[in-house]
Every structure is written in C-alpha cells, then in structure tokens.
C-alpha cells in the first residue's frame, strides 16, 4: 500500500516524472540501469489514459532515455531542461559553445584515469562526474568541477546532486522544462504532478507549487514538496494503482 497522505488521483492530472531514484532504483553506474517490461507497460498505460500528458524530466540525455525505454517513446526533458521533446515530436536544444565542453571533457577524463572509481558521464551538452563508489573524493570532485566551470564560461553552471557534480547549460532547469510543457497540449489546462528524489528536482517542485500542482519527494531530506514516498518501488506501486484505476472495464491488466 502507498501512503494514505497522497491525494486521490484525478483524470485531469499531467505527470512529470524524474527517472533515476524515482522510477528506477539508483545504481553505481548510470549505464547499468535497466527498465523492466512492466515499467514500460505502466508508463505506456499512464501515457494512454492521460492522452499523452506524461513527460520524463531527467538529467539524462533524450537519446539515453530513448535507449532505456525503447521501443516506447515519451515526451521528455533531458539534461535538466537543456533539451526537450514535446508531444509534437520536435526536439528543442539549447545552443552552446561545444569546443569548450570538449576541452573540459578531456580534463575530467584525466581525473578518471587517476581515480578509476569515478565515473564520467558525457551527456552531449553536459558533463557529470559521479563519485558514488568513492565518496571520500567528494570534496576533490567539487574542487575540480569548479575549476572546469571557470574554463567553460558563463554559459554553463555547476549543479550538485546525490554523489554527482555536473557542468550543465545555464538558465535551464527542470522547472523551466515543466513550465514549457504546461504551455502546450496535451499538458495545458491540466494539474501538474511532479515526482522526484534529488536536489536537482527542487526547481521543478518550486514551479509546480507556484501553479497549484502536487509535488512528491522520494526519500528523505528537506524539500519544497509537500508529499512523500519512501523509495522508487513505492513510486512504481502508486503509479500502478493510478494506471489500474484509469483503465476502462475489459482492459487487460499487466
């Protein structure tokens, strides 16, 4: 059973879902994540009953999300809003000085060679350095990333998450991505529901609070979200209940 404090689902909800730590359990290395057939069916069911008003709001790239969830495709905001694919299928991407980011990548790869427990994730428009397997290196990772930020320039910013530090395009975040979705069909005029687990999701929580939606924080820690679920398994269970309630009589239950 999910938390009794969660609101009763409504047919007019639009769903915005973080991926890692929210839909998927956290793993040591991002490329080790796997999406079960059951989760694909669950999201496809929610997408169907909302008329497509479901979007994945993630730090991963859009290409990586498509790989993870193939053959299903969803509306998605990738790299913390730096790229976004709406219901019309068009991909919007922020323009950035790529040559500076490539130089920063080389710097960080040298650090990974010196510290093999670190994981560098090159997302195309952003660079994330994970230290989950080497938490003692957290201070050094933050220091090197601050230096990288100075090199790449003011178009970028540094973002810290759970055992990860990222250099990403500035001026975009999960909140701006949700705001853009809410201006477009099929999200327009619906009530936004955003579920996330990390400090990077707080931008989305703040935006959804401002427009009167529901925010669900996964796990512990301070948050602008007013609702809670304990872990990704509870998120999947709650979304499964919602999907089953939204099915028409005679629909197959996966």
C-alpha atoms as a PDB file:
ATOM      1  CA  UNK A   1       0.000   0.000   0.000  1.00  0.00           C
ATOM      2  CA  UNK A   2       1.154   3.553  -0.720  1.00  0.00           C
ATOM      3  CA  UNK A   3       0.973   6.466   1.704  1.00  0.00           C
ATOM      4  CA  UNK A   4      -2.573   7.403   2.818  1.00  0.00           C
ATOM      5  CA  UNK A   5      -1.495  11.072   2.655  1.00  0.00           C
ATOM      6  CA  UNK A   6      -1.254  11.032  -1.135  1.00  0.00           C
ATOM      7  CA  UNK A   7      -4.083  12.818  -2.962  1.00  0.00           C
ATOM      8  CA  UNK A   8      -6.820  10.963  -4.776  1.00  0.00           C
ATOM      9  CA  UNK A   9      -5.859  10.728  -8.479  1.00  0.00           C
ATOM     10  CA  UNK A  10      -7.793  12.884 -10.913  1.00  0.00           C
ATOM     11  CA  UNK A  11      -8.346  12.406 -14.664  1.00  0.00           C
ATOM     12  CA  UNK A  12      -7.033  15.934 -15.275  1.00  0.00           C
ATOM     13  CA  UNK A  13      -3.538  15.269 -13.911  1.00  0.00           C
ATOM     14  CA  UNK A  14      -0.414  15.688 -16.057  1.00  0.00           C
ATOM     15  CA  UNK A  15       2.520  13.552 -14.897  1.00  0.00           C
ATOM     16  CA  UNK A  16       6.122  14.756 -14.765  1.00  0.00           C
ATOM     17  CA  UNK A  17       8.475  12.024 -13.597  1.00  0.00           C
ATOM     18  CA  UNK A  18      12.157  12.046 -12.719  1.00  0.00           C
ATOM     19  CA  UNK A  19      13.904   8.815 -13.716  1.00  0.00           C
ATOM     20  CA  UNK A  20      16.917   7.797 -11.594  1.00  0.00           C
ATOM     21  CA  UNK A  21      15.967   7.367  -7.955  1.00  0.00           C
ATOM     22  CA  UNK A  22      12.293   7.926  -8.786  1.00  0.00           C
ATOM     23  CA  UNK A  23      11.196   5.466 -11.462  1.00  0.00           C
ATOM     24  CA  UNK A  24      14.436   3.475 -11.319  1.00  0.00           C
ATOM     25  CA  UNK A  25      16.461   2.367  -8.313  1.00  0.00           C
ATOM     26  CA  UNK A  26      19.850   4.073  -8.009  1.00  0.00           C
ATOM     27  CA  UNK A  27      22.763   2.009  -9.335  1.00  0.00           C
ATOM     28  CA  UNK A  28      26.520   2.524  -9.066  1.00  0.00           C
ATOM     29  CA  UNK A  29      26.954   3.439 -12.741  1.00  0.00           C
ATOM     30  CA  UNK A  30      24.282   5.145 -14.905  1.00  0.00           C
ATOM     31  CA  UNK A  31      24.843   2.796 -17.841  1.00  0.00           C
ATOM     32  CA  UNK A  32      23.955  -0.173 -15.621  1.00  0.00           C
ATOM     33  CA  UNK A  33      20.313   0.926 -15.266  1.00  0.00           C
ATOM     34  CA  UNK A  34      17.655  -1.306 -16.796  1.00  0.00           C
ATOM     35  CA  UNK A  35      13.945  -0.713 -17.387  1.00  0.00           C
ATOM     36  CA  UNK A  36      11.676  -3.686 -16.813  1.00  0.00           C
ATOM     37  CA  UNK A  37       8.936  -4.584 -19.324  1.00  0.00           C
ATOM     38  CA  UNK A  38       6.441  -3.981 -16.516  1.00  0.00           C
ATOM     39  CA  UNK A  39       7.588  -0.383 -16.047  1.00  0.00           C
ATOM     40  CA  UNK A  40       7.396   0.239 -19.788  1.00  0.00           C
ATOM     41  CA  UNK A  41       3.807  -1.061 -19.807  1.00  0.00           C
ATOM     42  CA  UNK A  42       2.963   1.025 -16.759  1.00  0.00           C
ATOM     43  CA  UNK A  43       4.209   4.274 -18.309  1.00  0.00           C
ATOM     44  CA  UNK A  44       2.597   3.463 -21.644  1.00  0.00           C
ATOM     45  CA  UNK A  45      -0.692   2.910 -19.803  1.00  0.00           C
ATOM     46  CA  UNK A  46      -0.444   6.256 -17.993  1.00  0.00           C
ATOM     47  CA  UNK A  47       0.502   7.957 -21.234  1.00  0.00           C
ATOM     48  CA  UNK A  48      -2.581   6.454 -22.873  1.00  0.00           C
ATOM     49  CA  UNK A  49      -5.121   7.332 -20.177  1.00  0.00           C
ATOM     50  CA  UNK A  50      -3.842  10.933 -19.975  1.00  0.00           C
ATOM     51  CA  UNK A  51      -3.857  11.433 -23.725  1.00  0.00           C
ATOM     52  CA  UNK A  52      -0.081  11.817 -23.757  1.00  0.00           C
ATOM     53  CA  UNK A  53       0.201  14.147 -20.741  1.00  0.00           C
ATOM     54  CA  UNK A  54       3.199  12.311 -19.305  1.00  0.00           C
ATOM     55  CA  UNK A  55       6.796  13.517 -19.534  1.00  0.00           C
ATOM     56  CA  UNK A  56      10.089  12.234 -18.168  1.00  0.00           C
ATOM     57  CA  UNK A  57      12.086  15.070 -16.566  1.00  0.00           C
ATOM     58  CA  UNK A  58      15.673  13.919 -16.190  1.00  0.00           C
ATOM     59  CA  UNK A  59      19.338  14.750 -16.044  1.00  0.00           C
ATOM     60  CA  UNK A  60      19.981  12.073 -18.664  1.00  0.00           C
ATOM     61  CA  UNK A  61      20.063  12.929 -22.349  1.00  0.00           C
ATOM     62  CA  UNK A  62      16.997  12.388 -24.507  1.00  0.00           C
ATOM     63  CA  UNK A  63      18.945   9.822 -26.535  1.00  0.00           C
ATOM     64  CA  UNK A  64      19.804   7.885 -23.373  1.00  0.00           C
ATOM     65  CA  UNK A  65      16.158   7.911 -22.241  1.00  0.00           C
ATOM     66  CA  UNK A  66      15.039   6.602 -25.635  1.00  0.00           C
ATOM     67  CA  UNK A  67      17.614   3.817 -25.362  1.00  0.00           C
ATOM     68  CA  UNK A  68      16.483   2.893 -21.847  1.00  0.00           C
ATOM     69  CA  UNK A  69      12.758   2.842 -22.590  1.00  0.00           C
ATOM     70  CA  UNK A  70      12.839   1.505 -26.173  1.00  0.00           C
ATOM     71  CA  UNK A  71      10.665   0.722 -28.024  1.00  0.00           C
ATOM     72  CA  UNK A  72       8.443   3.149 -26.075  1.00  0.00           C
ATOM     73  CA  UNK A  73       8.959   6.888 -26.576  1.00  0.00           C
ATOM     74  CA  UNK A  74       7.607   9.624 -24.318  1.00  0.00           C
ATOM     75  CA  UNK A  75       7.689  13.367 -24.013  1.00  0.00           C
ATOM     76  CA  UNK A  76      10.973  14.100 -22.285  1.00  0.00           C
ATOM     77  CA  UNK A  77      13.118  16.929 -20.947  1.00  0.00           C
ATOM     78  CA  UNK A  78      16.749  15.834 -20.905  1.00  0.00           C
ATOM     79  CA  UNK A  79      19.930  17.233 -19.384  1.00  0.00           C
ATOM     80  CA  UNK A  80      17.950  19.246 -16.829  1.00  0.00           C
ATOM     81  CA  UNK A  81      15.917  21.012 -19.486  1.00  0.00           C
ATOM     82  CA  UNK A  82      18.697  21.800 -21.958  1.00  0.00           C
ATOM     83  CA  UNK A  83      16.869  19.623 -24.491  1.00  0.00           C
ATOM     84  CA  UNK A  84      13.165  18.875 -24.662  1.00  0.00           C
ATOM     85  CA  UNK A  85      10.874  16.806 -26.894  1.00  0.00           C
ATOM     86  CA  UNK A  86       7.207  17.730 -26.791  1.00  0.00           C
ATOM     87  CA  UNK A  87       4.121  15.803 -27.829  1.00  0.00           C
ATOM     88  CA  UNK A  88       4.593  17.008 -31.418  1.00  0.00           C
ATOM     89  CA  UNK A  89       7.892  15.099 -31.565  1.00  0.00           C
ATOM     90  CA  UNK A  90      10.051  18.177 -32.120  1.00  0.00           C
ATOM     91  CA  UNK A  91      13.345  18.288 -30.229  1.00  0.00           C
ATOM     92  CA  UNK A  92      14.396  21.674 -28.861  1.00  0.00           C
ATOM     93  CA  UNK A  93      18.043  22.052 -27.813  1.00  0.00           C
ATOM     94  CA  UNK A  94      19.954  24.888 -26.212  1.00  0.00           C
ATOM     95  CA  UNK A  95      22.865  26.175 -28.298  1.00  0.00           C
ATOM     96  CA  UNK A  96      26.241  26.195 -26.557  1.00  0.00           C
ATOM     97  CA  UNK A  97      29.993  26.562 -27.324  1.00  0.00           C
ATOM     98  CA  UNK A  98      30.731  22.862 -27.727  1.00  0.00           C
ATOM     99  CA  UNK A  99      34.502  23.260 -28.144  1.00  0.00           C
ATOM    100  CA  UNK A 100      34.842  24.439 -24.525  1.00  0.00           C
ATOM    101  CA  UNK A 101      32.857  21.472 -23.270  1.00  0.00           C
ATOM    102  CA  UNK A 102      35.074  19.044 -25.227  1.00  0.00           C
ATOM    103  CA  UNK A 103      38.166  20.591 -23.642  1.00  0.00           C
ATOM    104  CA  UNK A 104      36.564  20.161 -20.209  1.00  0.00           C
ATOM    105  CA  UNK A 105      35.796  16.539 -21.043  1.00  0.00           C
ATOM    106  CA  UNK A 106      39.488  15.831 -21.671  1.00  0.00           C
ATOM    107  CA  UNK A 107      40.375  17.388 -18.305  1.00  0.00           C
ATOM    108  CA  UNK A 108      37.844  15.222 -16.489  1.00  0.00           C
ATOM    109  CA  UNK A 109      38.874  12.050 -18.300  1.00  0.00           C
ATOM    110  CA  UNK A 110      42.396  12.529 -16.973  1.00  0.00           C
ATOM    111  CA  UNK A 111      40.961  12.707 -13.465  1.00  0.00           C
ATOM    112  CA  UNK A 112      39.023   9.471 -14.037  1.00  0.00           C
ATOM    113  CA  UNK A 113      42.213   7.761 -15.201  1.00  0.00           C
ATOM    114  CA  UNK A 114      43.877   8.834 -11.950  1.00  0.00           C
ATOM    115  CA  UNK A 115      40.827   7.747  -9.909  1.00  0.00           C
ATOM    116  CA  UNK A 116      39.167   4.746 -11.621  1.00  0.00           C
ATOM    117  CA  UNK A 117      36.289   4.647  -9.113  1.00  0.00           C
ATOM    118  CA  UNK A 118      34.995   7.922 -10.524  1.00  0.00           C
ATOM    119  CA  UNK A 119      32.529   7.768 -13.423  1.00  0.00           C
ATOM    120  CA  UNK A 120      32.399  10.478 -16.089  1.00  0.00           C
ATOM    121  CA  UNK A 121      29.060  10.718 -17.867  1.00  0.00           C
ATOM    122  CA  UNK A 122      29.219  12.695 -21.108  1.00  0.00           C
ATOM    123  CA  UNK A 123      25.632  13.610 -21.976  1.00  0.00           C
ATOM    124  CA  UNK A 124      26.472  15.653 -25.043  1.00  0.00           C
ATOM    125  CA  UNK A 125      25.544  19.066 -23.658  1.00  0.00           C
ATOM    126  CA  UNK A 126      26.659  18.479 -20.073  1.00  0.00           C
ATOM    127  CA  UNK A 127      29.277  16.540 -18.117  1.00  0.00           C
ATOM    128  CA  UNK A 128      28.566  14.689 -14.873  1.00  0.00           C
ATOM    129  CA  UNK A 129      31.243  13.295 -12.573  1.00  0.00           C
ATOM    130  CA  UNK A 130      29.873  10.574 -10.282  1.00  0.00           C
ATOM    131  CA  UNK A 131      31.683   9.593  -7.079  1.00  0.00           C
ATOM    132  CA  UNK A 132      29.214   7.097  -5.584  1.00  0.00           C
ATOM    133  CA  UNK A 133      31.932   4.424  -5.492  1.00  0.00           C
ATOM    134  CA  UNK A 134      34.448   6.851  -3.958  1.00  0.00           C
ATOM    135  CA  UNK A 135      32.580   9.167  -1.547  1.00  0.00           C
ATOM    136  CA  UNK A 136      35.876  10.224   0.028  1.00  0.00           C
ATOM    137  CA  UNK A 137      36.651  12.064  -3.231  1.00  0.00           C
ATOM    138  CA  UNK A 138      33.596  14.307  -2.994  1.00  0.00           C
ATOM    139  CA  UNK A 139      35.498  17.442  -1.946  1.00  0.00           C
ATOM    140  CA  UNK A 140      38.120  16.927  -4.668  1.00  0.00           C
ATOM    141  CA  UNK A 141      35.440  16.367  -7.302  1.00  0.00           C
ATOM    142  CA  UNK A 142      33.691  19.609  -6.369  1.00  0.00           C
ATOM    143  CA  UNK A 143      37.013  21.470  -6.479  1.00  0.00           C
ATOM    144  CA  UNK A 144      37.964  20.192  -9.934  1.00  0.00           C
ATOM    145  CA  UNK A 145      34.468  20.890 -11.263  1.00  0.00           C
ATOM    146  CA  UNK A 146      34.630  24.496 -10.018  1.00  0.00           C
ATOM    147  CA  UNK A 147      37.851  24.877 -11.994  1.00  0.00           C
ATOM    148  CA  UNK A 148      36.235  23.345 -15.068  1.00  0.00           C
ATOM    149  CA  UNK A 149      33.315  25.748 -14.719  1.00  0.00           C
ATOM    150  CA  UNK A 150      35.681  28.723 -14.847  1.00  0.00           C
ATOM    151  CA  UNK A 151      37.187  27.327 -18.064  1.00  0.00           C
ATOM    152  CA  UNK A 152      33.911  26.684 -19.913  1.00  0.00           C
ATOM    153  CA  UNK A 153      32.497  30.128 -19.192  1.00  0.00           C
ATOM    154  CA  UNK A 154      29.328  31.820 -18.054  1.00  0.00           C
ATOM    155  CA  UNK A 155      27.043  29.911 -20.429  1.00  0.00           C
ATOM    156  CA  UNK A 156      27.390  26.949 -18.058  1.00  0.00           C
ATOM    157  CA  UNK A 157      26.716  26.335 -14.377  1.00  0.00           C
ATOM    158  CA  UNK A 158      27.586  23.707 -11.764  1.00  0.00           C
ATOM    159  CA  UNK A 159      24.892  21.502 -10.280  1.00  0.00           C
ATOM    160  CA  UNK A 160      25.354  19.095  -7.376  1.00  0.00           C
ATOM    161  CA  UNK A 161      23.236  16.004  -6.798  1.00  0.00           C
ATOM    162  CA  UNK A 162      23.427  12.703  -4.963  1.00  0.00           C
ATOM    163  CA  UNK A 163      27.105  11.713  -5.242  1.00  0.00           C
ATOM    164  CA  UNK A 164      27.453  13.628  -8.519  1.00  0.00           C
ATOM    165  CA  UNK A 165      28.596  17.046  -9.670  1.00  0.00           C
ATOM    166  CA  UNK A 166      27.609  18.287 -13.097  1.00  0.00           C
ATOM    167  CA  UNK A 167      28.578  21.054 -15.500  1.00  0.00           C
ATOM    168  CA  UNK A 168      25.424  21.908 -17.428  1.00  0.00           C
ATOM    169  CA  UNK A 169      23.971  24.670 -19.610  1.00  0.00           C
ATOM    170  CA  UNK A 170      22.943  27.691 -17.571  1.00  0.00           C
ATOM    171  CA  UNK A 171      19.481  29.222 -17.468  1.00  0.00           C
ATOM    172  CA  UNK A 172      17.634  25.927 -17.842  1.00  0.00           C
ATOM    173  CA  UNK A 173      16.376  23.513 -15.208  1.00  0.00           C
ATOM    174  CA  UNK A 174      13.588  21.029 -14.527  1.00  0.00           C
ATOM    175  CA  UNK A 175      11.261  23.860 -13.535  1.00  0.00           C
ATOM    176  CA  UNK A 176      11.666  25.726 -16.841  1.00  0.00           C
ATOM    177  CA  UNK A 177      11.098  22.447 -18.703  1.00  0.00           C
ATOM    178  CA  UNK A 178       7.833  21.732 -16.868  1.00  0.00           C
ATOM    179  CA  UNK A 179       6.687  25.328 -17.450  1.00  0.00           C
ATOM    180  CA  UNK A 180       7.235  24.900 -21.198  1.00  0.00           C
ATOM    181  CA  UNK A 181       5.319  21.618 -21.278  1.00  0.00           C
ATOM    182  CA  UNK A 182       2.418  23.248 -19.419  1.00  0.00           C
ATOM    183  CA  UNK A 183       2.012  25.778 -22.263  1.00  0.00           C
ATOM    184  CA  UNK A 184       1.496  23.003 -24.812  1.00  0.00           C
ATOM    185  CA  UNK A 185      -1.178  20.389 -25.470  1.00  0.00           C
ATOM    186  CA  UNK A 186      -1.871  17.849 -24.050  1.00  0.00           C
ATOM    187  CA  UNK A 187      -0.457  19.293 -20.781  1.00  0.00           C
ATOM    188  CA  UNK A 188      -2.156  22.693 -20.985  1.00  0.00           C
ATOM    189  CA  UNK A 189      -5.023  23.212 -18.505  1.00  0.00           C
ATOM    190  CA  UNK A 190      -4.149  20.058 -16.551  1.00  0.00           C
ATOM    191  CA  UNK A 191      -2.907  19.838 -12.966  1.00  0.00           C
ATOM    192  CA  UNK A 192       0.826  19.054 -12.878  1.00  0.00           C
ATOM    193  CA  UNK A 193       2.095  16.245 -10.654  1.00  0.00           C
ATOM    194  CA  UNK A 194       5.887  16.067 -10.351  1.00  0.00           C
ATOM    195  CA  UNK A 195       7.730  13.229  -8.614  1.00  0.00           C
ATOM    196  CA  UNK A 196      11.481  13.446  -7.954  1.00  0.00           C
ATOM    197  CA  UNK A 197      14.131  12.418  -5.453  1.00  0.00           C
ATOM    198  CA  UNK A 198      17.148  14.718  -5.751  1.00  0.00           C
ATOM    199  CA  UNK A 199      18.100  18.322  -5.047  1.00  0.00           C
ATOM    200  CA  UNK A 200      18.033  18.896  -8.818  1.00  0.00           C
ATOM    201  CA  UNK A 201      14.273  18.248  -8.701  1.00  0.00           C
ATOM    202  CA  UNK A 202      13.662  21.158  -6.329  1.00  0.00           C
ATOM    203  CA  UNK A 203      13.460  23.556  -9.290  1.00  0.00           C
ATOM    204  CA  UNK A 204      10.542  21.510 -10.570  1.00  0.00           C
ATOM    205  CA  UNK A 205       8.900  21.317  -7.150  1.00  0.00           C
ATOM    206  CA  UNK A 206       9.027  25.090  -6.774  1.00  0.00           C
ATOM    207  CA  UNK A 207       7.464  25.668 -10.184  1.00  0.00           C
ATOM    208  CA  UNK A 208       4.692  23.128  -9.635  1.00  0.00           C
ATOM    209  CA  UNK A 209       3.921  24.609  -6.217  1.00  0.00           C
ATOM    210  CA  UNK A 210       3.563  28.044  -7.811  1.00  0.00           C
ATOM    211  CA  UNK A 211       0.949  26.831 -10.298  1.00  0.00           C
ATOM    212  CA  UNK A 212      -1.028  24.787  -7.779  1.00  0.00           C
ATOM    213  CA  UNK A 213       0.051  21.245  -8.598  1.00  0.00           C
ATOM    214  CA  UNK A 214       1.200  18.299  -6.491  1.00  0.00           C
ATOM    215  CA  UNK A 215       4.877  17.569  -5.691  1.00  0.00           C
ATOM    216  CA  UNK A 216       6.107  14.244  -4.326  1.00  0.00           C
ATOM    217  CA  UNK A 217       9.584  13.915  -2.838  1.00  0.00           C
ATOM    218  CA  UNK A 218      11.059  10.405  -2.926  1.00  0.00           C
ATOM    219  CA  UNK A 219      13.187   9.527   0.100  1.00  0.00           C
ATOM    220  CA  UNK A 220      14.459  11.646   2.962  1.00  0.00           C
ATOM    221  CA  UNK A 221      15.786  15.180   3.164  1.00  0.00           C
ATOM    222  CA  UNK A 222      14.380  18.684   3.153  1.00  0.00           C
ATOM    223  CA  UNK A 223      12.243  19.614   0.185  1.00  0.00           C
ATOM    224  CA  UNK A 224       9.723  22.080  -1.207  1.00  0.00           C
ATOM    225  CA  UNK A 225       7.498  19.067  -1.966  1.00  0.00           C
ATOM    226  CA  UNK A 226       4.579  18.573   0.406  1.00  0.00           C
ATOM    227  CA  UNK A 227       4.089  14.860  -0.275  1.00  0.00           C
ATOM    228  CA  UNK A 228       6.425  11.886   0.266  1.00  0.00           C
ATOM    229  CA  UNK A 229       7.097   8.376  -0.935  1.00  0.00           C
ATOM    230  CA  UNK A 230       9.901   6.325   0.636  1.00  0.00           C
ATOM    231  CA  UNK A 231      11.615   4.871  -2.445  1.00  0.00           C
ATOM    232  CA  UNK A 232      11.330   4.149  -6.166  1.00  0.00           C
ATOM    233  CA  UNK A 233       9.435   0.918  -5.525  1.00  0.00           C
ATOM    234  CA  UNK A 234       6.693   2.904  -3.790  1.00  0.00           C
ATOM    235  CA  UNK A 235       6.560   5.308  -6.747  1.00  0.00           C
ATOM    236  CA  UNK A 236       6.047   2.433  -9.160  1.00  0.00           C
ATOM    237  CA  UNK A 237       3.374   0.947  -6.895  1.00  0.00           C
ATOM    238  CA  UNK A 238       1.459   4.231  -6.663  1.00  0.00           C
ATOM    239  CA  UNK A 239       1.631   4.868 -10.399  1.00  0.00           C
ATOM    240  CA  UNK A 240       0.479   1.294 -10.952  1.00  0.00           C
ATOM    241  CA  UNK A 241      -2.592   1.909  -8.763  1.00  0.00           C
ATOM    242  CA  UNK A 242      -3.363   5.083 -10.720  1.00  0.00           C
ATOM    243  CA  UNK A 243      -2.996   3.311 -14.055  1.00  0.00           C
ATOM    244  CA  UNK A 244      -5.270   0.465 -12.971  1.00  0.00           C
ATOM    245  CA  UNK A 245      -7.917   2.897 -11.711  1.00  0.00           C
ATOM    246  CA  UNK A 246      -7.825   4.688 -15.050  1.00  0.00           C
ATOM    247  CA  UNK A 247      -8.384   1.579 -17.140  1.00  0.00           C
ATOM    248  CA  UNK A 248     -11.745   1.034 -18.777  1.00  0.00           C
ATOM    249  CA  UNK A 249     -13.725  -2.137 -17.919  1.00  0.00           C
ATOM    250  CA  UNK A 250     -12.439  -5.012 -20.007  1.00  0.00           C
ATOM    251  CA  UNK A 251      -8.941  -3.587 -20.464  1.00  0.00           C
ATOM    252  CA  UNK A 252      -6.131  -6.065 -19.889  1.00  0.00           C
ATOM    253  CA  UNK A 253      -4.223  -5.613 -16.639  1.00  0.00           C
ATOM    254  CA  UNK A 254      -0.485  -6.217 -16.994  1.00  0.00           C
END
